């Protein structure tokens, strides 16, 4: 039995557009196994690049990252994001600016 699902955004050919169909498969499989689909935690491996201006999904300033990640969380039920990075500056920016902004945005949108 699976307790979570962890795809990598970089390996989804359709990007975040693939998450809807894949989540449906997870939900259907859980239901067929007699499990509550809401009990399956949804996570997502992500990577990107911080930049002064936006140039695409997760390529831009921290504010853009926060908005995009919050949108994924709200639209696809993703509850955790794992940042693939080994650069200390990138990790610090993600932890100090992006993650708190995502949490605040999601909390404001979810009852």
PDB file of N, CA and C in Angstrom:
ATOM      1  N   UNK A   1       0.841  -1.182   0.000  1.00  0.00           N
ATOM      2  CA  UNK A   1       0.000   0.000   0.000  1.00  0.00           C
ATOM      3  C   UNK A   1       0.880   1.237   0.000  1.00  0.00           C
ATOM      4  N   UNK A   2       0.516   2.189  -0.789  1.00  0.00           N
ATOM      5  CA  UNK A   2       1.282   3.437  -0.883  1.00  0.00           C
ATOM      6  C   UNK A   2       0.697   4.478   0.065  1.00  0.00           C
ATOM      7  N   UNK A   3       1.592   5.197   0.718  1.00  0.00           N
ATOM      8  CA  UNK A   3       1.163   6.288   1.584  1.00  0.00           C
ATOM      9  C   UNK A   3       1.391   7.634   0.932  1.00  0.00           C
ATOM     10  N   UNK A   4       2.128   7.640  -0.180  1.00  0.00           N
ATOM     11  CA  UNK A   4       2.412   8.892  -0.860  1.00  0.00           C
ATOM     12  C   UNK A   4       2.806   8.659  -2.300  1.00  0.00           C
ATOM     13  N   UNK A   5       2.821   9.738  -3.036  1.00  0.00           N
ATOM     14  CA  UNK A   5       3.204   9.707  -4.450  1.00  0.00           C
ATOM     15  C   UNK A   5       4.157  10.859  -4.686  1.00  0.00           C
ATOM     16  N   UNK A   6       5.308  10.578  -5.311  1.00  0.00           N
ATOM     17  CA  UNK A   6       6.358  11.575  -5.474  1.00  0.00           C
ATOM     18  C   UNK A   6       6.916  11.573  -6.899  1.00  0.00           C
ATOM     19  N   UNK A   7       6.234  12.234  -7.838  1.00  0.00           N
ATOM     20  CA  UNK A   7       6.798  12.371  -9.188  1.00  0.00           C
ATOM     21  C   UNK A   7       7.808  13.522  -9.223  1.00  0.00           C
ATOM     22  N   UNK A   8       8.554  13.574 -10.291  1.00  0.00           N
ATOM     23  CA  UNK A   8       9.508  14.666 -10.510  1.00  0.00           C
ATOM     24  C   UNK A   8       9.006  15.525 -11.655  1.00  0.00           C
ATOM     25  N   UNK A   9       8.846  16.811 -11.400  1.00  0.00           N
ATOM     26  CA  UNK A   9       8.310  17.725 -12.403  1.00  0.00           C
ATOM     27  C   UNK A   9       9.112  17.673 -13.700  1.00  0.00           C
ATOM     28  N   UNK A  10      10.420  17.563 -13.597  1.00  0.00           N
ATOM     29  CA  UNK A  10      11.277  17.542 -14.777  1.00  0.00           C
ATOM     30  C   UNK A  10      11.062  16.339 -15.682  1.00  0.00           C
ATOM     31  N   UNK A  11      10.429  15.283 -15.161  1.00  0.00           N
ATOM     32  CA  UNK A  11      10.190  14.086 -15.963  1.00  0.00           C
ATOM     33  C   UNK A  11       8.747  13.976 -16.460  1.00  0.00           C
ATOM     34  N   UNK A  12       7.949  14.982 -16.189  1.00  0.00           N
ATOM     35  CA  UNK A  12       6.569  14.977 -16.683  1.00  0.00           C
ATOM     36  C   UNK A  12       6.551  15.660 -18.044  1.00  0.00           C
ATOM     37  N   UNK A  13       6.329  14.910 -19.121  1.00  0.00           N
ATOM     38  CA  UNK A  13       6.392  15.500 -20.463  1.00  0.00           C
ATOM     39  C   UNK A  13       5.482  16.710 -20.638  1.00  0.00           C
ATOM     40  N   UNK A  14       4.329  16.681 -19.994  1.00  0.00           N
ATOM     41  CA  UNK A  14       3.374  17.777 -20.104  1.00  0.00           C
ATOM     42  C   UNK A  14       3.468  18.762 -18.951  1.00  0.00           C
ATOM     43  N   UNK A  15       4.547  18.678 -18.181  1.00  0.00           N
ATOM     44  CA  UNK A  15       4.706  19.569 -17.037  1.00  0.00           C
ATOM     45  C   UNK A  15       3.581  19.374 -16.033  1.00  0.00           C
ATOM     46  N   UNK A  16       3.176  20.452 -15.395  1.00  0.00           N
ATOM     47  CA  UNK A  16       2.117  20.353 -14.389  1.00  0.00           C
ATOM     48  C   UNK A  16       0.788  19.903 -14.998  1.00  0.00           C
ATOM     49  N   UNK A  17       0.651  20.039 -16.305  1.00  0.00           N
ATOM     50  CA  UNK A  17      -0.563  19.583 -16.976  1.00  0.00           C
ATOM     51  C   UNK A  17      -0.779  18.084 -16.850  1.00  0.00           C
ATOM     52  N   UNK A  18       0.290  17.330 -16.608  1.00  0.00           N
ATOM     53  CA  UNK A  18       0.171  15.881 -16.441  1.00  0.00           C
ATOM     54  C   UNK A  18      -0.363  15.486 -15.067  1.00  0.00           C
ATOM     55  N   UNK A  19      -0.295  16.387 -14.110  1.00  0.00           N
ATOM     56  CA  UNK A  19      -0.651  16.031 -12.739  1.00  0.00           C
ATOM     57  C   UNK A  19      -2.126  15.661 -12.578  1.00  0.00           C
ATOM     58  N   UNK A  20      -3.010  16.297 -13.308  1.00  0.00           N
ATOM     59  CA  UNK A  20      -4.436  15.997 -13.167  1.00  0.00           C
ATOM     60  C   UNK A  20      -4.728  14.534 -13.492  1.00  0.00           C
ATOM     61  N   UNK A  21      -4.256  14.063 -14.641  1.00  0.00           N
ATOM     62  CA  UNK A  21      -4.499  12.672 -15.035  1.00  0.00           C
ATOM     63  C   UNK A  21      -3.783  11.701 -14.099  1.00  0.00           C
ATOM     64  N   UNK A  22      -2.571  12.038 -13.713  1.00  0.00           N
ATOM     65  CA  UNK A  22      -1.825  11.145 -12.824  1.00  0.00           C
ATOM     66  C   UNK A  22      -2.477  11.079 -11.440  1.00  0.00           C
ATOM     67  N   UNK A  23      -2.966  12.198 -10.938  1.00  0.00           N
ATOM     68  CA  UNK A  23      -3.678  12.191  -9.662  1.00  0.00           C
ATOM     69  C   UNK A  23      -4.942  11.341  -9.754  1.00  0.00           C
ATOM     70  N   UNK A  24      -5.616  11.393 -10.888  1.00  0.00           N
ATOM     71  CA  UNK A  24      -6.813  10.569 -11.081  1.00  0.00           C
ATOM     72  C   UNK A  24      -6.456   9.084 -10.993  1.00  0.00           C
ATOM     73  N   UNK A  25      -5.327   8.710 -11.584  1.00  0.00           N
ATOM     74  CA  UNK A  25      -4.897   7.306 -11.511  1.00  0.00           C
ATOM     75  C   UNK A  25      -4.619   6.894 -10.066  1.00  0.00           C
ATOM     76  N   UNK A  26      -3.957   7.777  -9.322  1.00  0.00           N
ATOM     77  CA  UNK A  26      -3.673   7.493  -7.915  1.00  0.00           C
ATOM     78  C   UNK A  26      -4.988   7.360  -7.142  1.00  0.00           C
ATOM     79  N   UNK A  27      -5.909   8.287  -7.367  1.00  0.00           N
ATOM     80  CA  UNK A  27      -7.211   8.246  -6.690  1.00  0.00           C
ATOM     81  C   UNK A  27      -7.966   6.960  -7.017  1.00  0.00           C
ATOM     82  N   UNK A  28      -8.011   6.604  -8.302  1.00  0.00           N
ATOM     83  CA  UNK A  28      -8.718   5.397  -8.723  1.00  0.00           C
ATOM     84  C   UNK A  28      -8.093   4.152  -8.103  1.00  0.00           C
ATOM     85  N   UNK A  29      -6.765   4.091  -8.112  1.00  0.00           N
ATOM     86  CA  UNK A  29      -6.072   2.940  -7.527  1.00  0.00           C
ATOM     87  C   UNK A  29      -6.324   2.820  -6.035  1.00  0.00           C
ATOM     88  N   UNK A  30      -6.302   3.939  -5.346  1.00  0.00           N
ATOM     89  CA  UNK A  30      -6.564   3.920  -3.903  1.00  0.00           C
ATOM     90  C   UNK A  30      -7.992   3.452  -3.631  1.00  0.00           C
ATOM     91  N   UNK A  31      -8.944   3.987  -4.389  1.00  0.00           N
ATOM     92  CA  UNK A  31     -10.346   3.608  -4.197  1.00  0.00           C
ATOM     93  C   UNK A  31     -10.551   2.119  -4.477  1.00  0.00           C
ATOM     94  N   UNK A  32      -9.925   1.612  -5.537  1.00  0.00           N
ATOM     95  CA  UNK A  32     -10.044   0.187  -5.865  1.00  0.00           C
ATOM     96  C   UNK A  32      -9.466  -0.689  -4.764  1.00  0.00           C
ATOM     97  N   UNK A  33      -8.467  -0.174  -4.060  1.00  0.00           N
ATOM     98  CA  UNK A  33      -7.844  -0.922  -2.967  1.00  0.00           C
ATOM     99  C   UNK A  33      -8.574  -0.713  -1.641  1.00  0.00           C
ATOM    100  N   UNK A  34      -9.689   0.035  -1.693  1.00  0.00           N
ATOM    101  CA  UNK A  34     -10.460   0.274  -0.483  1.00  0.00           C
ATOM    102  C   UNK A  34      -9.875   1.343   0.423  1.00  0.00           C
ATOM    103  N   UNK A  35      -9.041   2.190  -0.136  1.00  0.00           N
ATOM    104  CA  UNK A  35      -8.409   3.256   0.651  1.00  0.00           C
ATOM    105  C   UNK A  35      -8.992   4.607   0.269  1.00  0.00           C
ATOM    106  N   UNK A  36      -8.947   5.512   1.199  1.00  0.00           N
ATOM    107  CA  UNK A  36      -9.392   6.876   0.948  1.00  0.00           C
ATOM    108  C   UNK A  36      -8.320   7.572   0.107  1.00  0.00           C
ATOM    109  N   UNK A  37      -8.634   8.004  -1.106  1.00  0.00           N
ATOM    110  CA  UNK A  37      -7.633   8.674  -1.949  1.00  0.00           C
ATOM    111  C   UNK A  37      -7.015   9.902  -1.284  1.00  0.00           C
ATOM    112  N   UNK A  38      -7.771  10.556  -0.406  1.00  0.00           N
ATOM    113  CA  UNK A  38      -7.234  11.744   0.274  1.00  0.00           C
ATOM    114  C   UNK A  38      -6.124  11.394   1.256  1.00  0.00           C
ATOM    115  N   UNK A  39      -6.013  10.112   1.612  1.00  0.00           N
ATOM    116  CA  UNK A  39      -4.972   9.683   2.549  1.00  0.00           C
ATOM    117  C   UNK A  39      -3.617   9.503   1.862  1.00  0.00           C
ATOM    118  N   UNK A  40      -3.608   9.517   0.540  1.00  0.00           N
ATOM    119  CA  UNK A  40      -2.352   9.379  -0.203  1.00  0.00           C
ATOM    120  C   UNK A  40      -1.735  10.762  -0.347  1.00  0.00           C
ATOM    121  N   UNK A  41      -0.611  10.979   0.312  1.00  0.00           N
ATOM    122  CA  UNK A  41       0.047  12.288   0.290  1.00  0.00           C
ATOM    123  C   UNK A  41       0.661  12.544  -1.088  1.00  0.00           C
ATOM    124  N   UNK A  42       0.490  13.746  -1.598  1.00  0.00           N
ATOM    125  CA  UNK A  42       1.011  14.132  -2.915  1.00  0.00           C
ATOM    126  C   UNK A  42       2.202  15.062  -2.711  1.00  0.00           C
ATOM    127  N   UNK A  43       3.349  14.658  -3.229  1.00  0.00           N
ATOM    128  CA  UNK A  43       4.581  15.441  -3.154  1.00  0.00           C
ATOM    129  C   UNK A  43       5.062  15.695  -4.571  1.00  0.00           C
ATOM    130  N   UNK A  44       6.033  16.587  -4.730  1.00  0.00           N
ATOM    131  CA  UNK A  44       6.558  16.859  -6.065  1.00  0.00           C
ATOM    132  C   UNK A  44       8.015  17.295  -5.967  1.00  0.00           C
ATOM    133  N   UNK A  45       8.885  16.571  -6.672  1.00  0.00           N
ATOM    134  CA  UNK A  45      10.273  16.999  -6.817  1.00  0.00           C
ATOM    135  C   UNK A  45      10.297  18.149  -7.810  1.00  0.00           C
ATOM    136  N   UNK A  46      10.969  19.235  -7.444  1.00  0.00           N
ATOM    137  CA  UNK A  46      11.053  20.392  -8.335  1.00  0.00           C
ATOM    138  C   UNK A  46      12.489  20.876  -8.438  1.00  0.00           C
ATOM    139  N   UNK A  47      12.763  21.571  -9.507  1.00  0.00           N
ATOM    140  CA  UNK A  47      14.047  22.255  -9.673  1.00  0.00           C
ATOM    141  C   UNK A  47      13.780  23.467 -10.545  1.00  0.00           C
ATOM    142  N   UNK A  48      14.701  24.374 -10.533  1.00  0.00           N
ATOM    143  CA  UNK A  48      14.535  25.582 -11.326  1.00  0.00           C
ATOM    144  C   UNK A  48      15.726  26.491 -11.141  1.00  0.00           C
ATOM    145  N   UNK A  49      15.517  27.742 -11.454  1.00  0.00           N
ATOM    146  CA  UNK A  49      16.609  28.713 -11.374  1.00  0.00           C
ATOM    147  C   UNK A  49      16.038  30.060 -10.941  1.00  0.00           C
ATOM    148  N   UNK A  50      16.653  30.635  -9.919  1.00  0.00           N
ATOM    149  CA  UNK A  50      16.260  31.981  -9.522  1.00  0.00           C
ATOM    150  C   UNK A  50      16.888  32.968 -10.489  1.00  0.00           C
ATOM    151  N   UNK A  51      16.091  33.926 -10.934  1.00  0.00           N
ATOM    152  CA  UNK A  51      16.550  34.932 -11.894  1.00  0.00           C
ATOM    153  C   UNK A  51      15.826  36.243 -11.596  1.00  0.00           C
ATOM    154  N   UNK A  52      16.346  37.325 -12.134  1.00  0.00           N
ATOM    155  CA  UNK A  52      15.747  38.644 -11.912  1.00  0.00           C
ATOM    156  C   UNK A  52      14.365  38.759 -12.539  1.00  0.00           C
ATOM    157  N   UNK A  53      14.190  38.154 -13.709  1.00  0.00           N
ATOM    158  CA  UNK A  53      12.896  38.230 -14.386  1.00  0.00           C
ATOM    159  C   UNK A  53      12.432  36.827 -14.756  1.00  0.00           C
ATOM    160  N   UNK A  54      11.118  36.679 -14.904  1.00  0.00           N
ATOM    161  CA  UNK A  54      10.535  35.383 -15.212  1.00  0.00           C
ATOM    162  C   UNK A  54      10.792  34.950 -16.642  1.00  0.00           C
ATOM    163  N   UNK A  55      11.153  33.665 -16.763  1.00  0.00           N
ATOM    164  CA  UNK A  55      11.394  33.108 -18.096  1.00  0.00           C
ATOM    165  C   UNK A  55      10.747  31.741 -18.240  1.00  0.00           C
ATOM    166  N   UNK A  56       9.763  31.461 -17.419  1.00  0.00           N
ATOM    167  CA  UNK A  56       9.106  30.168 -17.484  1.00  0.00           C
ATOM    168  C   UNK A  56       8.873  29.614 -16.098  1.00  0.00           C
ATOM    169  N   UNK A  57       8.277  28.432 -16.036  1.00  0.00           N
ATOM    170  CA  UNK A  57       7.950  27.801 -14.768  1.00  0.00           C
ATOM    171  C   UNK A  57       9.204  27.590 -13.933  1.00  0.00           C
ATOM    172  N   UNK A  58       9.194  28.145 -12.732  1.00  0.00           N
ATOM    173  CA  UNK A  58      10.289  28.048 -11.772  1.00  0.00           C
ATOM    174  C   UNK A  58      11.612  28.561 -12.323  1.00  0.00           C
ATOM    175  N   UNK A  59      11.531  29.549 -13.163  1.00  0.00           N
ATOM    176  CA  UNK A  59      12.702  30.299 -13.626  1.00  0.00           C
ATOM    177  C   UNK A  59      12.326  31.767 -13.499  1.00  0.00           C
ATOM    178  N   UNK A  60      12.772  32.370 -12.396  1.00  0.00           N
ATOM    179  CA  UNK A  60      12.415  33.754 -12.138  1.00  0.00           C
ATOM    180  C   UNK A  60      12.695  34.118 -10.693  1.00  0.00           C
ATOM    181  N   UNK A  61      12.156  35.235 -10.247  1.00  0.00           N
ATOM    182  CA  UNK A  61      12.383  35.693  -8.875  1.00  0.00           C
ATOM    183  C   UNK A  61      11.604  34.848  -7.859  1.00  0.00           C
ATOM    184  N   UNK A  62      12.002  34.893  -6.585  1.00  0.00           N
ATOM    185  CA  UNK A  62      11.328  34.100  -5.556  1.00  0.00           C
ATOM    186  C   UNK A  62       9.814  34.313  -5.504  1.00  0.00           C
ATOM    187  N   UNK A  63       9.346  35.525  -5.716  1.00  0.00           N
ATOM    188  CA  UNK A  63       7.898  35.797  -5.699  1.00  0.00           C
ATOM    189  C   UNK A  63       7.181  34.974  -6.771  1.00  0.00           C
ATOM    190  N   UNK A  64       7.764  34.879  -7.946  1.00  0.00           N
ATOM    191  CA  UNK A  64       7.179  34.077  -9.024  1.00  0.00           C
ATOM    192  C   UNK A  64       7.152  32.605  -8.625  1.00  0.00           C
ATOM    193  N   UNK A  65       8.263  32.126  -8.070  1.00  0.00           N
ATOM    194  CA  UNK A  65       8.320  30.732  -7.615  1.00  0.00           C
ATOM    195  C   UNK A  65       7.187  30.459  -6.636  1.00  0.00           C
ATOM    196  N   UNK A  66       7.027  31.344  -5.655  1.00  0.00           N
ATOM    197  CA  UNK A  66       6.008  31.138  -4.622  1.00  0.00           C
ATOM    198  C   UNK A  66       4.614  31.068  -5.235  1.00  0.00           C
ATOM    199  N   UNK A  67       4.327  31.951  -6.167  1.00  0.00           N
ATOM    200  CA  UNK A  67       3.016  31.948  -6.821  1.00  0.00           C
ATOM    201  C   UNK A  67       2.799  30.663  -7.610  1.00  0.00           C
ATOM    202  N   UNK A  68       3.815  30.224  -8.335  1.00  0.00           N
ATOM    203  CA  UNK A  68       3.683  29.018  -9.158  1.00  0.00           C
ATOM    204  C   UNK A  68       3.543  27.766  -8.297  1.00  0.00           C
ATOM    205  N   UNK A  69       4.333  27.673  -7.234  1.00  0.00           N
ATOM    206  CA  UNK A  69       4.251  26.503  -6.360  1.00  0.00           C
ATOM    207  C   UNK A  69       2.909  26.481  -5.627  1.00  0.00           C
ATOM    208  N   UNK A  70       2.451  27.627  -5.160  1.00  0.00           N
ATOM    209  CA  UNK A  70       1.144  27.692  -4.494  1.00  0.00           C
ATOM    210  C   UNK A  70       0.035  27.260  -5.450  1.00  0.00           C
ATOM    211  N   UNK A  71       0.132  27.665  -6.696  1.00  0.00           N
ATOM    212  CA  UNK A  71      -0.869  27.267  -7.695  1.00  0.00           C
ATOM    213  C   UNK A  71      -0.884  25.750  -7.871  1.00  0.00           C
ATOM    214  N   UNK A  72       0.294  25.137  -7.916  1.00  0.00           N
ATOM    215  CA  UNK A  72       0.370  23.677  -8.036  1.00  0.00           C
ATOM    216  C   UNK A  72      -0.266  23.026  -6.811  1.00  0.00           C
ATOM    217  N   UNK A  73       0.056  23.534  -5.635  1.00  0.00           N
ATOM    218  CA  UNK A  73      -0.504  22.975  -4.398  1.00  0.00           C
ATOM    219  C   UNK A  73      -2.024  23.069  -4.395  1.00  0.00           C
ATOM    220  N   UNK A  74      -2.537  24.218  -4.745  1.00  0.00           N
ATOM    221  CA  UNK A  74      -3.982  24.440  -4.708  1.00  0.00           C
ATOM    222  C   UNK A  74      -4.724  23.694  -5.808  1.00  0.00           C
ATOM    223  N   UNK A  75      -4.154  23.612  -6.988  1.00  0.00           N
ATOM    224  CA  UNK A  75      -4.841  22.986  -8.122  1.00  0.00           C
ATOM    225  C   UNK A  75      -4.690  21.473  -8.183  1.00  0.00           C
ATOM    226  N   UNK A  76      -3.619  20.944  -7.570  1.00  0.00           N
ATOM    227  CA  UNK A  76      -3.342  19.516  -7.719  1.00  0.00           C
ATOM    228  C   UNK A  76      -3.219  18.780  -6.391  1.00  0.00           C
ATOM    229  N   UNK A  77      -3.467  19.465  -5.279  1.00  0.00           N
ATOM    230  CA  UNK A  77      -3.432  18.808  -3.977  1.00  0.00           C
ATOM    231  C   UNK A  77      -2.045  18.419  -3.506  1.00  0.00           C
ATOM    232  N   UNK A  78      -1.032  19.012  -4.082  1.00  0.00           N
ATOM    233  CA  UNK A  78       0.340  18.709  -3.678  1.00  0.00           C
ATOM    234  C   UNK A  78       0.607  19.357  -2.325  1.00  0.00           C
ATOM    235  N   UNK A  79       1.060  18.552  -1.365  1.00  0.00           N
ATOM    236  CA  UNK A  79       1.244  19.075  -0.008  1.00  0.00           C
ATOM    237  C   UNK A  79       2.703  19.280   0.367  1.00  0.00           C
ATOM    238  N   UNK A  80       3.611  18.813  -0.455  1.00  0.00           N
ATOM    239  CA  UNK A  80       5.029  18.988  -0.158  1.00  0.00           C
ATOM    240  C   UNK A  80       5.839  19.078  -1.432  1.00  0.00           C
ATOM    241  N   UNK A  81       6.852  19.904  -1.382  1.00  0.00           N
ATOM    242  CA  UNK A  81       7.723  20.111  -2.536  1.00  0.00           C
ATOM    243  C   UNK A  81       9.160  19.869  -2.103  1.00  0.00           C
ATOM    244  N   UNK A  82       9.879  19.084  -2.882  1.00  0.00           N
ATOM    245  CA  UNK A  82      11.273  18.784  -2.579  1.00  0.00           C
ATOM    246  C   UNK A  82      12.128  19.477  -3.621  1.00  0.00           C
ATOM    247  N   UNK A  83      12.928  20.419  -3.152  1.00  0.00           N
ATOM    248  CA  UNK A  83      13.764  21.237  -4.031  1.00  0.00           C
ATOM    249  C   UNK A  83      15.065  20.507  -4.328  1.00  0.00           C
ATOM    250  N   UNK A  84      15.308  20.231  -5.592  1.00  0.00           N
ATOM    251  CA  UNK A  84      16.554  19.594  -6.021  1.00  0.00           C
ATOM    252  C   UNK A  84      17.585  20.687  -6.274  1.00  0.00           C
ATOM    253  N   UNK A  85      18.452  20.886  -5.309  1.00  0.00           N
ATOM    254  CA  UNK A  85      19.488  21.915  -5.445  1.00  0.00           C
ATOM    255  C   UNK A  85      20.633  21.590  -4.502  1.00  0.00           C
ATOM    256  N   UNK A  86      21.820  21.967  -4.911  1.00  0.00           N
ATOM    257  CA  UNK A  86      22.966  21.807  -4.024  1.00  0.00           C
ATOM    258  C   UNK A  86      23.701  23.128  -3.797  1.00  0.00           C
ATOM    259  N   UNK A  87      23.209  24.192  -4.400  1.00  0.00           N
ATOM    260  CA  UNK A  87      23.798  25.516  -4.229  1.00  0.00           C
ATOM    261  C   UNK A  87      23.250  26.140  -2.944  1.00  0.00           C
ATOM    262  N   UNK A  88      24.118  26.504  -1.992  1.00  0.00           N
ATOM    263  CA  UNK A  88      23.645  27.065  -0.721  1.00  0.00           C
ATOM    264  C   UNK A  88      22.772  28.312  -0.881  1.00  0.00           C
ATOM    265  N   UNK A  89      23.079  29.169  -1.826  1.00  0.00           N
ATOM    266  CA  UNK A  89      22.289  30.381  -2.026  1.00  0.00           C
ATOM    267  C   UNK A  89      20.876  30.036  -2.490  1.00  0.00           C
ATOM    268  N   UNK A  90      20.764  29.084  -3.390  1.00  0.00           N
ATOM    269  CA  UNK A  90      19.456  28.646  -3.887  1.00  0.00           C
ATOM    270  C   UNK A  90      18.633  28.042  -2.757  1.00  0.00           C
ATOM    271  N   UNK A  91      19.254  27.203  -1.961  1.00  0.00           N
ATOM    272  CA  UNK A  91      18.560  26.559  -0.848  1.00  0.00           C
ATOM    273  C   UNK A  91      18.101  27.610   0.164  1.00  0.00           C
ATOM    274  N   UNK A  92      18.962  28.573   0.469  1.00  0.00           N
ATOM    275  CA  UNK A  92      18.620  29.628   1.421  1.00  0.00           C
ATOM    276  C   UNK A  92      17.454  30.475   0.915  1.00  0.00           C
ATOM    277  N   UNK A  93      17.479  30.846  -0.352  1.00  0.00           N
ATOM    278  CA  UNK A  93      16.394  31.646  -0.929  1.00  0.00           C
ATOM    279  C   UNK A  93      15.078  30.875  -0.893  1.00  0.00           C
ATOM    280  N   UNK A  94      15.149  29.605  -1.234  1.00  0.00           N
ATOM    281  CA  UNK A  94      13.952  28.775  -1.223  1.00  0.00           C
ATOM    282  C   UNK A  94      13.385  28.687   0.193  1.00  0.00           C
ATOM    283  N   UNK A  95      14.257  28.453   1.162  1.00  0.00           N
ATOM    284  CA  UNK A  95      13.816  28.286   2.549  1.00  0.00           C
ATOM    285  C   UNK A  95      13.336  29.589   3.183  1.00  0.00           C
ATOM    286  N   UNK A  96      14.004  30.686   2.878  1.00  0.00           N
ATOM    287  CA  UNK A  96      13.686  31.939   3.567  1.00  0.00           C
ATOM    288  C   UNK A  96      12.607  32.775   2.884  1.00  0.00           C
ATOM    289  N   UNK A  97      12.464  32.649   1.570  1.00  0.00           N
ATOM    290  CA  UNK A  97      11.495  33.482   0.853  1.00  0.00           C
ATOM    291  C   UNK A  97      10.361  32.690   0.203  1.00  0.00           C
ATOM    292  N   UNK A  98      10.706  31.630  -0.493  1.00  0.00           N
ATOM    293  CA  UNK A  98       9.688  30.904  -1.258  1.00  0.00           C
ATOM    294  C   UNK A  98       8.767  30.088  -0.349  1.00  0.00           C
ATOM    295  N   UNK A  99       9.343  29.223   0.470  1.00  0.00           N
ATOM    296  CA  UNK A  99       8.520  28.325   1.294  1.00  0.00           C
ATOM    297  C   UNK A  99       7.543  29.077   2.199  1.00  0.00           C
ATOM    298  N   UNK A 100       7.980  30.114   2.932  1.00  0.00           N
ATOM    299  CA  UNK A 100       7.009  30.834   3.770  1.00  0.00           C
ATOM    300  C   UNK A 100       5.897  31.504   2.958  1.00  0.00           C
ATOM    301  N   UNK A 101       6.236  32.032   1.796  1.00  0.00           N
ATOM    302  CA  UNK A 101       5.230  32.687   0.951  1.00  0.00           C
ATOM    303  C   UNK A 101       4.225  31.670   0.415  1.00  0.00           C
ATOM    304  N   UNK A 102       4.705  30.486   0.060  1.00  0.00           N
ATOM    305  CA  UNK A 102       3.797  29.432  -0.413  1.00  0.00           C
ATOM    306  C   UNK A 102       2.845  29.034   0.710  1.00  0.00           C
ATOM    307  N   UNK A 103       3.391  28.789   1.891  1.00  0.00           N
ATOM    308  CA  UNK A 103       2.545  28.398   3.025  1.00  0.00           C
ATOM    309  C   UNK A 103       1.470  29.451   3.296  1.00  0.00           C
ATOM    310  N   UNK A 104       1.857  30.708   3.287  1.00  0.00           N
ATOM    311  CA  UNK A 104       0.898  31.790   3.555  1.00  0.00           C
ATOM    312  C   UNK A 104      -0.184  31.856   2.480  1.00  0.00           C
ATOM    313  N   UNK A 105       0.215  31.734   1.221  1.00  0.00           N
ATOM    314  CA  UNK A 105      -0.749  31.809   0.120  1.00  0.00           C
ATOM    315  C   UNK A 105      -1.734  30.640   0.183  1.00  0.00           C
ATOM    316  N   UNK A 106      -1.215  29.442   0.403  1.00  0.00           N
ATOM    317  CA  UNK A 106      -2.086  28.265   0.456  1.00  0.00           C
ATOM    318  C   UNK A 106      -3.023  28.357   1.660  1.00  0.00           C
ATOM    319  N   UNK A 107      -2.509  28.776   2.799  1.00  0.00           N
ATOM    320  CA  UNK A 107      -3.347  28.906   3.998  1.00  0.00           C
ATOM    321  C   UNK A 107      -4.468  29.922   3.784  1.00  0.00           C
ATOM    322  N   UNK A 108      -4.186  30.977   3.052  1.00  0.00           N
ATOM    323  CA  UNK A 108      -5.202  32.000   2.788  1.00  0.00           C
ATOM    324  C   UNK A 108      -6.289  31.500   1.837  1.00  0.00           C
ATOM    325  N   UNK A 109      -5.947  30.554   0.971  1.00  0.00           N
ATOM    326  CA  UNK A 109      -6.893  30.056  -0.032  1.00  0.00           C
ATOM    327  C   UNK A 109      -7.692  28.846   0.435  1.00  0.00           C
ATOM    328  N   UNK A 110      -7.121  28.064   1.343  1.00  0.00           N
ATOM    329  CA  UNK A 110      -7.803  26.856   1.821  1.00  0.00           C
ATOM    330  C   UNK A 110      -8.525  27.153   3.125  1.00  0.00           C
ATOM    331  N   UNK A 111      -9.757  26.673   3.244  1.00  0.00           N
ATOM    332  CA  UNK A 111     -10.510  26.907   4.496  1.00  0.00           C
ATOM    333  C   UNK A 111      -9.924  26.134   5.662  1.00  0.00           C
TER     334      UNK A 111
END
